[in-house]
């Protein structure tokens, strides 16, 4: 099942940004930057999330990931991947603002290196600080409706509950909680982490989500370009004209 034409044509408002695509794409885990650029083009996305910690921006040849992204085409969404406490996350996003002037950001603070589940105490605390500093904060979180509501009250501009642990590809494990979160917030709801196949994106939309963020399912697919195209098809009625 695909989305209605009416849904496709309605921009998604996230903070002060109006997004035409309901697919947000990640930039990590690709074999190389060339493959990443090709897959992003095929995905039809207009927002790409980038880990701005230096060790995640530079490849083994010393090339900068940002040189392979068309900043005129894509909205860059800096994220705090690899941060395990509030101090590191705040520093990372403040540096991102200095580097590129980016205020729309994705906050993720991980609880441990094994599960990569979010540390919600540190996350809520950081959301409050960032929102007071003028950031528009999209927040990676668990699928707990109570925590999601606290993030909204802390100033988040979008709630991003996991479907399943990062990189697991298990798909949406708790549909009931996603429905509850949807019913209690008017903020954009973006499923983040755990999407395993393109059809999982449609399930998220059917649950009332506004968008999905997909990285591993595309980057680690046997054919990333084809997988990116499939994700585009499952988040819109028809392929977009990519010029």
Protein backbone atom coordinates (compact mmCIF):
# COMPACT_ATOMS: atom_id res chain seq x y z
CA UNK A 1 0.00 0.00 0.00
CA UNK A 2 1.27 3.46 -0.87
CA UNK A 3 0.46 6.89 0.47
CA UNK A 4 -2.15 9.17 -1.03
CA UNK A 5 -1.22 11.86 -3.52
CA UNK A 6 -2.60 14.42 -1.07
CA UNK A 7 -0.17 13.24 1.61
CA UNK A 8 2.75 13.31 -0.81
CA UNK A 9 2.05 16.87 -1.86
CA UNK A 10 1.72 18.20 1.67
CA UNK A 11 5.11 19.42 2.95
CA UNK A 12 6.23 18.25 6.36
CA UNK A 13 6.91 21.19 8.66
CA UNK A 14 9.75 20.53 11.11
CA UNK A 15 10.62 23.60 13.08
CA UNK A 16 11.08 26.33 10.48
CA UNK A 17 11.91 23.83 7.73
CA UNK A 18 9.42 22.64 5.14
CA UNK A 19 10.36 19.18 3.87
CA UNK A 20 9.04 17.74 0.64
CA UNK A 21 10.21 14.16 1.21
CA UNK A 22 8.97 11.85 3.96
CA UNK A 23 12.25 9.93 3.88
CA UNK A 24 15.25 11.17 5.87
CA UNK A 25 18.43 9.34 4.92
CA UNK A 26 21.59 8.61 6.85
CA UNK A 27 25.11 8.92 5.48
CA UNK A 28 26.99 6.30 7.51
CA UNK A 29 28.01 2.69 6.85
CA UNK A 30 28.38 2.93 3.06
CA UNK A 31 31.28 1.23 1.31
CA UNK A 32 32.51 4.64 0.14
CA UNK A 33 31.31 8.19 -0.36
CA UNK A 34 30.59 7.61 -4.05
CA UNK A 35 28.13 4.84 -3.20
CA UNK A 36 26.57 7.04 -0.56
CA UNK A 37 26.03 9.91 -3.00
CA UNK A 38 24.45 7.58 -5.56
CA UNK A 39 22.08 6.04 -3.01
CA UNK A 40 21.04 9.41 -1.61
CA UNK A 41 20.21 10.59 -5.11
CA UNK A 42 18.09 7.50 -5.70
CA UNK A 43 16.27 7.90 -2.39
CA UNK A 44 14.67 11.20 -3.33
CA UNK A 45 15.40 12.54 0.14
CA UNK A 46 15.88 16.22 0.79
CA UNK A 47 17.28 15.78 4.33
CA UNK A 48 20.45 13.86 5.13
CA UNK A 49 21.70 13.31 8.64
CA UNK A 50 25.44 13.63 9.22
CA UNK A 51 27.50 12.66 12.26
CA UNK A 52 29.63 15.74 12.79
CA UNK A 53 32.23 14.24 15.11
CA UNK A 54 35.50 14.54 13.18
CA UNK A 55 36.35 10.83 13.13
CA UNK A 56 33.01 10.20 11.40
CA UNK A 57 33.40 12.94 8.79
CA UNK A 58 36.77 11.89 7.35
CA UNK A 59 37.43 8.61 5.53
CA UNK A 60 40.64 6.56 5.39
CA UNK A 61 41.85 8.65 2.45
CA UNK A 62 41.33 11.91 4.31
CA UNK A 63 38.26 12.91 2.29
CA UNK A 64 35.49 14.89 3.94
CA UNK A 65 31.97 13.46 3.68
CA UNK A 66 30.51 16.95 3.30
CA UNK A 67 32.35 17.37 -0.01
CA UNK A 68 30.12 14.62 -1.45
CA UNK A 69 26.84 16.26 -0.46
CA UNK A 70 25.10 18.92 -2.52
CA UNK A 71 24.22 21.46 0.17
CA UNK A 72 22.07 23.29 -2.36
CA UNK A 73 19.91 20.20 -2.73
CA UNK A 74 19.97 18.62 0.72
CA UNK A 75 19.16 19.99 4.15
CA UNK A 76 22.03 18.83 6.33
CA UNK A 77 20.86 17.46 9.67
CA UNK A 78 23.85 17.26 12.04
CA UNK A 79 23.59 14.48 14.61
CA UNK A 80 25.41 13.46 17.75
CA UNK A 81 26.08 9.82 16.85
CA UNK A 82 28.80 8.45 19.09
CA UNK A 83 27.95 10.67 22.06
CA UNK A 84 27.23 8.98 25.39
CA UNK A 85 26.63 11.98 27.63
CA UNK A 86 25.10 15.43 27.57
CA UNK A 87 28.42 17.29 27.68
CA UNK A 88 29.71 15.66 24.47
CA UNK A 89 26.37 16.03 22.68
CA UNK A 90 26.06 19.73 23.50
CA UNK A 91 29.64 20.40 22.44
CA UNK A 92 29.13 18.54 19.17
CA UNK A 93 26.01 20.46 18.16
CA UNK A 94 27.44 23.81 19.19
CA UNK A 95 30.43 23.08 16.96
CA UNK A 96 28.06 22.09 14.15
CA UNK A 97 26.37 25.47 14.45
CA UNK A 98 29.75 27.18 14.20
CA UNK A 99 30.80 25.07 11.21
CA UNK A 100 27.70 25.33 9.07
CA UNK A 101 25.26 27.59 10.86
CA UNK A 102 22.98 24.58 11.34
CA UNK A 103 20.22 24.99 13.91
CA UNK A 104 18.01 22.08 12.87
CA UNK A 105 19.78 19.15 14.53
CA UNK A 106 19.27 15.56 15.53
CA UNK A 107 20.07 14.71 19.14
CA UNK A 108 20.96 11.17 20.07
CA UNK A 109 22.69 10.24 23.31
CA UNK A 110 23.40 6.55 23.64
CA UNK A 111 23.27 4.58 26.85
CA UNK A 112 25.86 1.95 25.99
CA UNK A 113 27.94 0.73 23.06
CA UNK A 114 26.31 -2.70 22.85
CA UNK A 115 22.61 -1.92 22.46
CA UNK A 116 22.90 1.72 21.28
CA UNK A 117 19.66 2.41 23.11
CA UNK A 118 19.10 6.03 24.13
CA UNK A 119 19.95 7.40 27.56
CA UNK A 120 16.69 9.25 28.14
CA UNK A 121 17.81 11.16 31.24
CA UNK A 122 20.74 12.72 29.39
CA UNK A 123 18.59 13.19 26.29
CA UNK A 124 15.83 15.14 28.04
CA UNK A 125 18.37 17.31 29.86
CA UNK A 126 20.17 18.12 26.61
CA UNK A 127 16.94 18.86 24.76
CA UNK A 128 16.03 21.50 27.34
CA UNK A 129 19.43 23.18 27.01
CA UNK A 130 19.52 23.13 23.21
CA UNK A 131 15.99 24.42 22.77
CA UNK A 132 16.77 27.36 25.08
CA UNK A 133 19.82 28.11 22.92
CA UNK A 134 17.67 28.39 19.80
CA UNK A 135 18.29 24.96 18.29
CA UNK A 136 15.44 23.10 16.62
CA UNK A 137 15.93 19.65 18.07
CA UNK A 138 14.77 16.41 16.48
CA UNK A 139 15.25 13.80 19.18
CA UNK A 140 16.08 10.09 18.93
CA UNK A 141 14.35 8.31 21.80
CA UNK A 142 12.92 5.00 22.94
CA UNK A 143 9.29 4.19 22.18
CA UNK A 144 8.03 5.07 25.66
CA UNK A 145 5.05 7.48 25.38
CA UNK A 146 5.88 9.07 28.75
CA UNK A 147 9.42 9.88 27.68
CA UNK A 148 8.17 11.17 24.34
CA UNK A 149 5.83 13.58 26.12
CA UNK A 150 8.64 14.81 28.34
CA UNK A 151 10.73 15.52 25.25
CA UNK A 152 7.89 17.55 23.79
CA UNK A 153 7.64 19.52 27.03
CA UNK A 154 11.42 20.02 26.97
CA UNK A 155 11.18 21.81 23.62
CA UNK A 156 11.80 19.14 20.96
CA UNK A 157 10.62 20.04 17.46
CA UNK A 158 10.21 16.39 16.41
CA UNK A 159 9.96 13.07 18.23
CA UNK A 160 11.99 10.19 16.75
CA UNK A 161 11.19 6.90 18.51
CA UNK A 162 13.11 3.80 17.54
CA UNK A 163 11.36 1.01 15.70
CA UNK A 164 13.95 -1.44 17.02
CA UNK A 165 17.60 -1.16 18.14
CA UNK A 166 19.91 0.74 15.78
CA UNK A 167 21.10 -1.41 12.90
CA UNK A 168 18.98 -4.42 13.86
CA UNK A 169 16.64 -4.27 10.87
CA UNK A 170 13.86 -5.84 12.93
CA UNK A 171 11.17 -3.36 11.91
CA UNK A 172 8.61 -1.81 14.23
CA UNK A 173 8.47 -3.92 17.38
CA UNK A 174 5.89 -1.99 19.41
CA UNK A 175 3.10 -0.64 17.24
CA UNK A 176 0.91 0.11 20.25
CA UNK A 177 3.40 2.56 21.75
CA UNK A 178 3.91 4.29 18.41
CA UNK A 179 0.15 4.77 18.16
CA UNK A 180 0.01 6.20 21.69
CA UNK A 181 2.84 8.62 20.96
CA UNK A 182 1.04 9.70 17.79
CA UNK A 183 -2.22 10.31 19.67
CA UNK A 184 -0.62 12.53 22.31
CA UNK A 185 1.55 14.84 20.19
CA UNK A 186 1.08 17.26 17.31
CA UNK A 187 4.83 17.35 16.72
CA UNK A 188 6.26 15.58 13.68
CA UNK A 189 6.71 11.88 14.47
CA UNK A 190 9.62 10.20 12.70
CA UNK A 191 10.46 6.53 13.16
CA UNK A 192 14.22 6.29 13.61
CA UNK A 193 16.34 3.13 13.84
CA UNK A 194 15.50 -0.50 13.19
CA UNK A 195 13.87 -0.19 9.76
CA UNK A 196 14.88 -3.33 7.89
CA UNK A 197 13.04 -3.17 4.60
CA UNK A 198 11.18 -0.65 2.52
CA UNK A 199 7.76 -1.98 3.52
CA UNK A 200 8.53 -1.11 7.18
CA UNK A 201 8.32 2.53 6.13
CA UNK A 202 4.75 2.07 4.94
CA UNK A 203 3.82 0.39 8.24
CA UNK A 204 5.20 3.43 10.06
CA UNK A 205 3.09 5.75 7.92
CA UNK A 206 -0.01 3.62 8.48
CA UNK A 207 0.55 4.02 12.23
CA UNK A 208 0.38 7.79 11.78
CA UNK A 209 4.06 8.67 11.55
CA UNK A 210 5.05 11.64 9.42
CA UNK A 211 8.35 10.30 8.12
CA UNK A 212 11.04 7.67 8.58
CA UNK A 213 14.80 7.86 8.93
CA UNK A 214 16.67 5.06 7.21
CA UNK A 215 20.41 4.40 7.12
CA UNK A 216 21.56 0.81 7.68
CA UNK A 217 18.82 -0.79 5.58
CA UNK A 218 20.04 1.18 2.56
CA UNK A 219 23.78 1.44 3.25
CA UNK A 220 24.24 -2.26 4.06
CA UNK A 221 21.91 -3.61 1.37
CA UNK A 222 23.47 -5.78 -1.33
CA UNK A 223 22.33 -3.13 -3.81
CA UNK A 224 22.08 0.22 -1.97
CA UNK A 225 20.90 2.12 -5.06
CA UNK A 226 17.97 -0.25 -5.62
CA UNK A 227 17.12 -0.31 -1.92
CA UNK A 228 17.08 3.48 -1.84
CA UNK A 229 14.68 3.53 -4.77
CA UNK A 230 12.43 1.02 -2.99
CA UNK A 231 12.37 3.20 0.14
CA UNK A 232 11.35 6.14 -2.02
CA UNK A 233 8.50 4.11 -3.52
CA UNK A 234 7.25 3.03 -0.11
CA UNK A 235 7.21 6.58 1.24
CA UNK A 236 5.47 8.15 -1.76
CA UNK A 237 2.93 7.07 -4.38
CA UNK A 238 5.30 7.41 -7.29
CA UNK A 239 9.01 8.04 -7.90
CA UNK A 240 9.93 11.69 -7.81
CA UNK A 241 11.50 13.43 -10.74
CA UNK A 242 15.11 13.51 -9.66
CA UNK A 243 16.22 15.51 -12.69
